Amino acid sequence: TQEESYALACLGELALEQDQLAEARKQHQAALAIRKKSNEKLAIAQSQVFLANLSIEEGKAQDAVASLPEATKAFSNEHATEDEAGAQETRARALLAQKKVAEAGTEIAIAGKLALTLKNVMLAAAIAATESRQLSAAGRYDEADARAKASLAAAKSSQLEMRQLDARLASDENKARRGHTAEAAAEKKIIHAEAEKLG
């Protein structure tokens, strides 16, 4: 049932928060199976995006890239712009993990364009952080720094602590690429310590 699939999806998200990746995948795959039986198009796509994010965490970015076009198309067909933008951002991160920098740039640009019509600060902060990473990987360090600062400002405006840490991490990664490795390493330790306190 719809209620059962939702409960399983919630259990999957809880497991991910506790870094139980195998359990998170198990619960969301179970939710996806139920959703496919009842042909819940949006819910199916949402499960696919969750599993794609999980694949990135597991170091299986190629699996994430392969699974996302179907979800993105479903969101577009259902006019679920917020979900579509999030799926594009996830795909950009998966491509970056595979060092496909130019392709990631195309995907994050689409996500950014979609997000312009929305008022979702968390999504805007996530997109800006991913864009920062893509620009840094492309050697466009000043632009990358500007996007990391934009991500941090957006996250601070709504007191989104984890998104603030991610924006700072994107800035730190850019700093390391510029050759400031010792400073970047010290800042990274601070960021990870703060993340652990937040749980």
C-alpha atoms as a PDB file:
ATOM      1  CA  THR A   1       0.000   0.000   0.000  1.00  0.00           C
ATOM      2  CA  GLN A   2       0.946   3.648  -0.292  1.00  0.00           C
ATOM      3  CA  GLU A   3       1.225   3.922   3.509  1.00  0.00           C
ATOM      4  CA  GLU A   4       3.515   0.896   3.673  1.00  0.00           C
ATOM      5  CA  SER A   5       5.849   2.205   0.984  1.00  0.00           C
ATOM      6  CA  TYR A   6       6.011   5.588   2.721  1.00  0.00           C
ATOM      7  CA  ALA A   7       6.874   3.926   6.039  1.00  0.00           C
ATOM      8  CA  LEU A   8       9.631   1.871   4.387  1.00  0.00           C
ATOM      9  CA  ALA A   9      11.016   4.986   2.700  1.00  0.00           C
ATOM     10  CA  CYS A  10      11.100   6.773   6.063  1.00  0.00           C
ATOM     11  CA  LEU A  11      12.949   3.837   7.593  1.00  0.00           C
ATOM     12  CA  GLY A  12      15.425   4.025   4.718  1.00  0.00           C
ATOM     13  CA  GLU A  13      16.063   7.711   5.329  1.00  0.00           C
ATOM     14  CA  LEU A  14      16.521   7.082   9.052  1.00  0.00           C
ATOM     15  CA  ALA A  15      19.013   4.309   8.321  1.00  0.00           C
ATOM     16  CA  LEU A  16      20.973   6.638   6.021  1.00  0.00           C
ATOM     17  CA  GLU A  17      21.127   9.291   8.750  1.00  0.00           C
ATOM     18  CA  GLN A  18      22.693   6.621  10.966  1.00  0.00           C
ATOM     19  CA  ASP A  19      25.181   5.677   8.208  1.00  0.00           C
ATOM     20  CA  GLN A  20      23.582   2.243   7.809  1.00  0.00           C
ATOM     21  CA  LEU A  21      23.871   2.214   4.025  1.00  0.00           C
ATOM     22  CA  ALA A  22      22.946  -1.434   3.450  1.00  0.00           C
ATOM     23  CA  GLU A  23      19.819  -1.104   5.590  1.00  0.00           C
ATOM     24  CA  ALA A  24      18.883   2.166   3.860  1.00  0.00           C
ATOM     25  CA  ARG A  25      19.112   0.475   0.466  1.00  0.00           C
ATOM     26  CA  LYS A  26      17.115  -2.551   1.656  1.00  0.00           C
ATOM     27  CA  GLN A  27      14.236  -0.401   2.946  1.00  0.00           C
ATOM     28  CA  HIS A  28      14.072   1.865  -0.103  1.00  0.00           C
ATOM     29  CA  GLN A  29      14.260  -1.016  -2.541  1.00  0.00           C
ATOM     30  CA  ALA A  30      11.314  -2.572  -0.719  1.00  0.00           C
ATOM     31  CA  ALA A  31       9.455   0.743  -0.960  1.00  0.00           C
ATOM     32  CA  LEU A  32      10.293   0.981  -4.667  1.00  0.00           C
ATOM     33  CA  ALA A  33       8.947  -2.527  -5.341  1.00  0.00           C
ATOM     34  CA  ILE A  34       5.604  -1.617  -3.753  1.00  0.00           C
ATOM     35  CA  ARG A  35       5.446   1.673  -5.635  1.00  0.00           C
ATOM     36  CA  LYS A  36       6.089  -0.057  -8.942  1.00  0.00           C
ATOM     37  CA  LYS A  37       3.245  -2.504  -8.310  1.00  0.00           C
ATOM     38  CA  SER A  38       0.816   0.359  -7.744  1.00  0.00           C
ATOM     39  CA  ASN A  39       2.393   2.491 -10.504  1.00  0.00           C
ATOM     40  CA  GLU A  40       2.983   5.536  -8.271  1.00  0.00           C
ATOM     41  CA  LYS A  41       5.039   7.474 -10.815  1.00  0.00           C
ATOM     42  CA  LEU A  42       6.257  10.314  -8.605  1.00  0.00           C
ATOM     43  CA  ALA A  43       6.971   8.035  -5.665  1.00  0.00           C
ATOM     44  CA  ILE A  44       8.866   5.623  -7.933  1.00  0.00           C
ATOM     45  CA  ALA A  45      11.021   8.486  -9.187  1.00  0.00           C
ATOM     46  CA  GLN A  46      11.636   9.737  -5.642  1.00  0.00           C
ATOM     47  CA  SER A  47      12.829   6.281  -4.603  1.00  0.00           C
ATOM     48  CA  GLN A  48      15.109   6.162  -7.647  1.00  0.00           C
ATOM     49  CA  VAL A  49      16.694   9.480  -6.646  1.00  0.00           C
ATOM     50  CA  PHE A  50      17.172   8.298  -3.059  1.00  0.00           C
ATOM     51  CA  LEU A  51      18.861   5.123  -4.301  1.00  0.00           C
ATOM     52  CA  ALA A  52      21.005   7.170  -6.690  1.00  0.00           C
ATOM     53  CA  ASN A  53      22.186   9.337  -3.789  1.00  0.00           C
ATOM     54  CA  LEU A  54      22.914   6.161  -1.871  1.00  0.00           C
ATOM     55  CA  SER A  55      24.955   4.806  -4.795  1.00  0.00           C
ATOM     56  CA  ILE A  56      27.084   7.969  -4.716  1.00  0.00           C
ATOM     57  CA  GLU A  57      27.680   7.447  -0.970  1.00  0.00           C
ATOM     58  CA  GLU A  58      28.678   3.842  -1.689  1.00  0.00           C
ATOM     59  CA  GLY A  59      31.166   4.883  -4.375  1.00  0.00           C
ATOM     60  CA  LYS A  60      29.000   3.538  -7.208  1.00  0.00           C
ATOM     61  CA  ALA A  61      28.435   6.766  -9.096  1.00  0.00           C
ATOM     62  CA  GLN A  62      27.985   4.967 -12.413  1.00  0.00           C
ATOM     63  CA  ASP A  63      24.861   3.266 -11.023  1.00  0.00           C
ATOM     64  CA  ALA A  64      23.455   6.640  -9.991  1.00  0.00           C
ATOM     65  CA  VAL A  65      24.033   8.143 -13.427  1.00  0.00           C
ATOM     66  CA  ALA A  66      22.309   5.216 -15.109  1.00  0.00           C
ATOM     67  CA  SER A  67      19.215   5.299 -12.894  1.00  0.00           C
ATOM     68  CA  LEU A  68      18.449   9.026 -12.907  1.00  0.00           C
ATOM     69  CA  PRO A  69      17.199   9.798 -16.449  1.00  0.00           C
ATOM     70  CA  GLU A  70      14.022   7.783 -15.874  1.00  0.00           C
ATOM     71  CA  ALA A  71      13.324   9.671 -12.640  1.00  0.00           C
ATOM     72  CA  THR A  72      14.063  13.048 -14.209  1.00  0.00           C
ATOM     73  CA  LYS A  73      11.675  12.315 -17.081  1.00  0.00           C
ATOM     74  CA  ALA A  74       8.937  11.280 -14.646  1.00  0.00           C
ATOM     75  CA  PHE A  75       9.311  14.492 -12.658  1.00  0.00           C
ATOM     76  CA  SER A  76       9.209  16.549 -15.851  1.00  0.00           C
ATOM     77  CA  ASN A  77       6.100  14.767 -17.108  1.00  0.00           C
ATOM     78  CA  GLU A  78       4.360  15.344 -13.772  1.00  0.00           C
ATOM     79  CA  HIS A  79       5.527  18.999 -13.606  1.00  0.00           C
ATOM     80  CA  ALA A  80       7.301  18.269 -10.310  1.00  0.00           C
ATOM     81  CA  THR A  81       9.913  20.986 -10.855  1.00  0.00           C
ATOM     82  CA  GLU A  82      11.436  20.844  -7.392  1.00  0.00           C
ATOM     83  CA  ASP A  83      12.004  17.098  -7.613  1.00  0.00           C
ATOM     84  CA  GLU A  84      13.336  17.444 -11.159  1.00  0.00           C
ATOM     85  CA  ALA A  85      15.879  20.060 -10.095  1.00  0.00           C
ATOM     86  CA  GLY A  86      16.972  17.844  -7.219  1.00  0.00           C
ATOM     87  CA  ALA A  87      17.407  14.879  -9.546  1.00  0.00           C
ATOM     88  CA  GLN A  88      19.534  16.975 -11.914  1.00  0.00           C
ATOM     89  CA  GLU A  89      21.710  18.087  -8.989  1.00  0.00           C
ATOM     90  CA  THR A  90      22.156  14.461  -7.930  1.00  0.00           C
ATOM     91  CA  ARG A  91      23.122  13.483 -11.464  1.00  0.00           C
ATOM     92  CA  ALA A  92      25.680  16.311 -11.572  1.00  0.00           C
ATOM     93  CA  ARG A  93      27.283  15.017  -8.367  1.00  0.00           C
ATOM     94  CA  ALA A  94      27.374  11.489  -9.752  1.00  0.00           C
ATOM     95  CA  LEU A  95      29.087  12.711 -12.919  1.00  0.00           C
ATOM     96  CA  LEU A  96      31.601  14.713 -10.882  1.00  0.00           C
ATOM     97  CA  ALA A  97      32.402  11.574  -8.903  1.00  0.00           C
ATOM     98  CA  GLN A  98      33.273   9.955 -12.246  1.00  0.00           C
ATOM     99  CA  LYS A  99      35.368  13.017 -13.194  1.00  0.00           C
ATOM    100  CA  LYS A 100      32.991  13.847 -16.063  1.00  0.00           C
ATOM    101  CA  VAL A 101      33.328  17.555 -15.392  1.00  0.00           C
ATOM    102  CA  ALA A 102      31.833  18.991 -18.586  1.00  0.00           C
ATOM    103  CA  GLU A 103      28.787  16.711 -18.415  1.00  0.00           C
ATOM    104  CA  ALA A 104      28.313  17.637 -14.753  1.00  0.00           C
ATOM    105  CA  GLY A 105      28.353  21.296 -15.772  1.00  0.00           C
ATOM    106  CA  THR A 106      25.500  20.714 -18.202  1.00  0.00           C
ATOM    107  CA  GLU A 107      23.422  18.940 -15.552  1.00  0.00           C
ATOM    108  CA  ILE A 108      23.991  21.500 -12.800  1.00  0.00           C
ATOM    109  CA  ALA A 109      23.130  24.332 -15.189  1.00  0.00           C
ATOM    110  CA  ILE A 110      19.776  22.654 -15.878  1.00  0.00           C
ATOM    111  CA  ALA A 111      19.202  22.225 -12.133  1.00  0.00           C
ATOM    112  CA  GLY A 112      19.988  25.886 -11.527  1.00  0.00           C
ATOM    113  CA  LYS A 113      17.620  27.037 -14.245  1.00  0.00           C
ATOM    114  CA  LEU A 114      14.804  24.907 -12.836  1.00  0.00           C
ATOM    115  CA  ALA A 115      15.463  26.175  -9.311  1.00  0.00           C
ATOM    116  CA  LEU A 116      15.055  29.804 -10.384  1.00  0.00           C
ATOM    117  CA  THR A 117      11.287  29.293 -10.465  1.00  0.00           C
ATOM    118  CA  LEU A 118      11.247  27.895  -6.908  1.00  0.00           C
ATOM    119  CA  LYS A 119      11.632  29.273  -3.398  1.00  0.00           C
ATOM    120  CA  ASN A 120      13.420  26.278  -1.929  1.00  0.00           C
ATOM    121  CA  VAL A 121      16.461  27.613  -0.067  1.00  0.00           C
ATOM    122  CA  MET A 122      17.814  24.169   0.810  1.00  0.00           C
ATOM    123  CA  LEU A 123      17.757  23.108  -2.836  1.00  0.00           C
ATOM    124  CA  ALA A 124      19.313  26.397  -3.963  1.00  0.00           C
ATOM    125  CA  ALA A 125      22.142  25.947  -1.447  1.00  0.00           C
ATOM    126  CA  ALA A 126      22.743  22.354  -2.598  1.00  0.00           C
ATOM    127  CA  ILE A 127      22.841  23.359  -6.267  1.00  0.00           C
ATOM    128  CA  ALA A 128      25.253  26.240  -5.592  1.00  0.00           C
ATOM    129  CA  ALA A 129      27.590  23.926  -3.646  1.00  0.00           C
ATOM    130  CA  THR A 130      27.604  21.345  -6.442  1.00  0.00           C
ATOM    131  CA  GLU A 131      28.133  24.080  -9.006  1.00  0.00           C
ATOM    132  CA  SER A 132      31.107  25.286  -6.945  1.00  0.00           C
ATOM    133  CA  ARG A 133      32.615  21.807  -7.050  1.00  0.00           C
ATOM    134  CA  GLN A 134      32.075  21.525 -10.792  1.00  0.00           C
ATOM    135  CA  LEU A 135      33.673  24.924 -11.467  1.00  0.00           C
ATOM    136  CA  SER A 136      36.617  24.052  -9.219  1.00  0.00           C
ATOM    137  CA  ALA A 137      37.128  20.747 -11.057  1.00  0.00           C
ATOM    138  CA  ALA A 138      37.140  22.737 -14.292  1.00  0.00           C
ATOM    139  CA  GLY A 139      39.868  25.032 -12.931  1.00  0.00           C
ATOM    140  CA  ARG A 140      37.574  28.049 -12.589  1.00  0.00           C
ATOM    141  CA  TYR A 141      38.570  28.723  -8.998  1.00  0.00           C
ATOM    142  CA  ASP A 142      37.297  32.291  -8.531  1.00  0.00           C
ATOM    143  CA  GLU A 143      33.859  31.353  -9.862  1.00  0.00           C
ATOM    144  CA  ALA A 144      33.872  28.263  -7.680  1.00  0.00           C
ATOM    145  CA  ASP A 145      34.607  30.347  -4.614  1.00  0.00           C
ATOM    146  CA  ALA A 146      31.762  32.724  -5.474  1.00  0.00           C
ATOM    147  CA  ARG A 147      29.278  29.860  -5.773  1.00  0.00           C
ATOM    148  CA  ALA A 148      30.448  28.334  -2.473  1.00  0.00           C
ATOM    149  CA  LYS A 149      29.864  31.705  -0.812  1.00  0.00           C
ATOM    150  CA  ALA A 150      26.399  31.895  -2.397  1.00  0.00           C
ATOM    151  CA  SER A 151      25.621  28.421  -1.065  1.00  0.00           C
ATOM    152  CA  LEU A 152      26.780  29.390   2.422  1.00  0.00           C
ATOM    153  CA  ALA A 153      24.750  32.614   2.379  1.00  0.00           C
ATOM    154  CA  ALA A 154      21.603  30.756   1.307  1.00  0.00           C
ATOM    155  CA  ALA A 155      22.101  28.122   4.007  1.00  0.00           C
ATOM    156  CA  LYS A 156      22.717  30.741   6.687  1.00  0.00           C
ATOM    157  CA  SER A 157      19.579  32.650   5.684  1.00  0.00           C
ATOM    158  CA  SER A 158      17.445  29.682   6.742  1.00  0.00           C
ATOM    159  CA  GLN A 159      19.763  28.341   9.466  1.00  0.00           C
ATOM    160  CA  LEU A 160      20.441  25.119   7.548  1.00  0.00           C
ATOM    161  CA  GLU A 161      23.425  23.855   9.522  1.00  0.00           C
ATOM    162  CA  MET A 162      24.326  20.788   7.442  1.00  0.00           C
ATOM    163  CA  ARG A 163      24.048  22.775   4.218  1.00  0.00           C
ATOM    164  CA  GLN A 164      26.333  25.427   5.748  1.00  0.00           C
ATOM    165  CA  LEU A 165      28.916  22.746   6.443  1.00  0.00           C
ATOM    166  CA  ASP A 166      28.615  21.408   2.901  1.00  0.00           C
ATOM    167  CA  ALA A 167      29.130  24.906   1.469  1.00  0.00           C
ATOM    168  CA  ARG A 168      32.201  25.367   3.647  1.00  0.00           C
ATOM    169  CA  LEU A 169      33.479  21.963   2.522  1.00  0.00           C
ATOM    170  CA  ALA A 170      33.024  22.952  -1.143  1.00  0.00           C
ATOM    171  CA  SER A 171      35.020  26.122  -0.471  1.00  0.00           C
ATOM    172  CA  ASP A 172      37.677  24.087   1.319  1.00  0.00           C
ATOM    173  CA  GLU A 173      37.948  21.623  -1.586  1.00  0.00           C
ATOM    174  CA  ASN A 174      38.447  24.567  -3.938  1.00  0.00           C
ATOM    175  CA  LYS A 175      41.147  25.947  -1.643  1.00  0.00           C
ATOM    176  CA  ALA A 176      42.953  22.599  -1.767  1.00  0.00           C
ATOM    177  CA  ARG A 177      42.821  22.566  -5.575  1.00  0.00           C
ATOM    178  CA  ARG A 178      44.443  25.993  -5.559  1.00  0.00           C
ATOM    179  CA  GLY A 179      47.390  24.501  -3.670  1.00  0.00           C
ATOM    180  CA  HIS A 180      46.577  25.648  -0.131  1.00  0.00           C
ATOM    181  CA  THR A 181      46.615  22.049   1.035  1.00  0.00           C
ATOM    182  CA  ALA A 182      47.714  22.504   4.675  1.00  0.00           C
ATOM    183  CA  GLU A 183      45.133  25.215   5.332  1.00  0.00           C
ATOM    184  CA  ALA A 184      42.444  23.158   3.564  1.00  0.00           C
ATOM    185  CA  ALA A 185      43.291  20.035   5.574  1.00  0.00           C
ATOM    186  CA  ALA A 186      43.036  21.941   8.869  1.00  0.00           C
ATOM    187  CA  GLU A 187      39.679  23.448   7.899  1.00  0.00           C
ATOM    188  CA  LYS A 188      38.390  20.055   6.759  1.00  0.00           C
ATOM    189  CA  LYS A 189      39.076  18.597  10.223  1.00  0.00           C
ATOM    190  CA  ILE A 190      37.105  21.420  11.820  1.00  0.00           C
ATOM    191  CA  ILE A 191      34.185  20.902   9.439  1.00  0.00           C
ATOM    192  CA  HIS A 192      34.065  17.151  10.072  1.00  0.00           C
ATOM    193  CA  ALA A 193      34.193  17.702  13.839  1.00  0.00           C
ATOM    194  CA  GLU A 194      31.260  20.108  13.603  1.00  0.00           C
ATOM    195  CA  ALA A 195      29.358  17.624  11.428  1.00  0.00           C
ATOM    196  CA  GLU A 196      29.835  14.884  14.037  1.00  0.00           C
ATOM    197  CA  LYS A 197      28.420  17.161  16.735  1.00  0.00           C
ATOM    198  CA  LEU A 198      25.334  17.752  14.606  1.00  0.00           C
ATOM    199  CA  GLY A 199      24.929  14.001  14.232  1.00  0.00           C
END
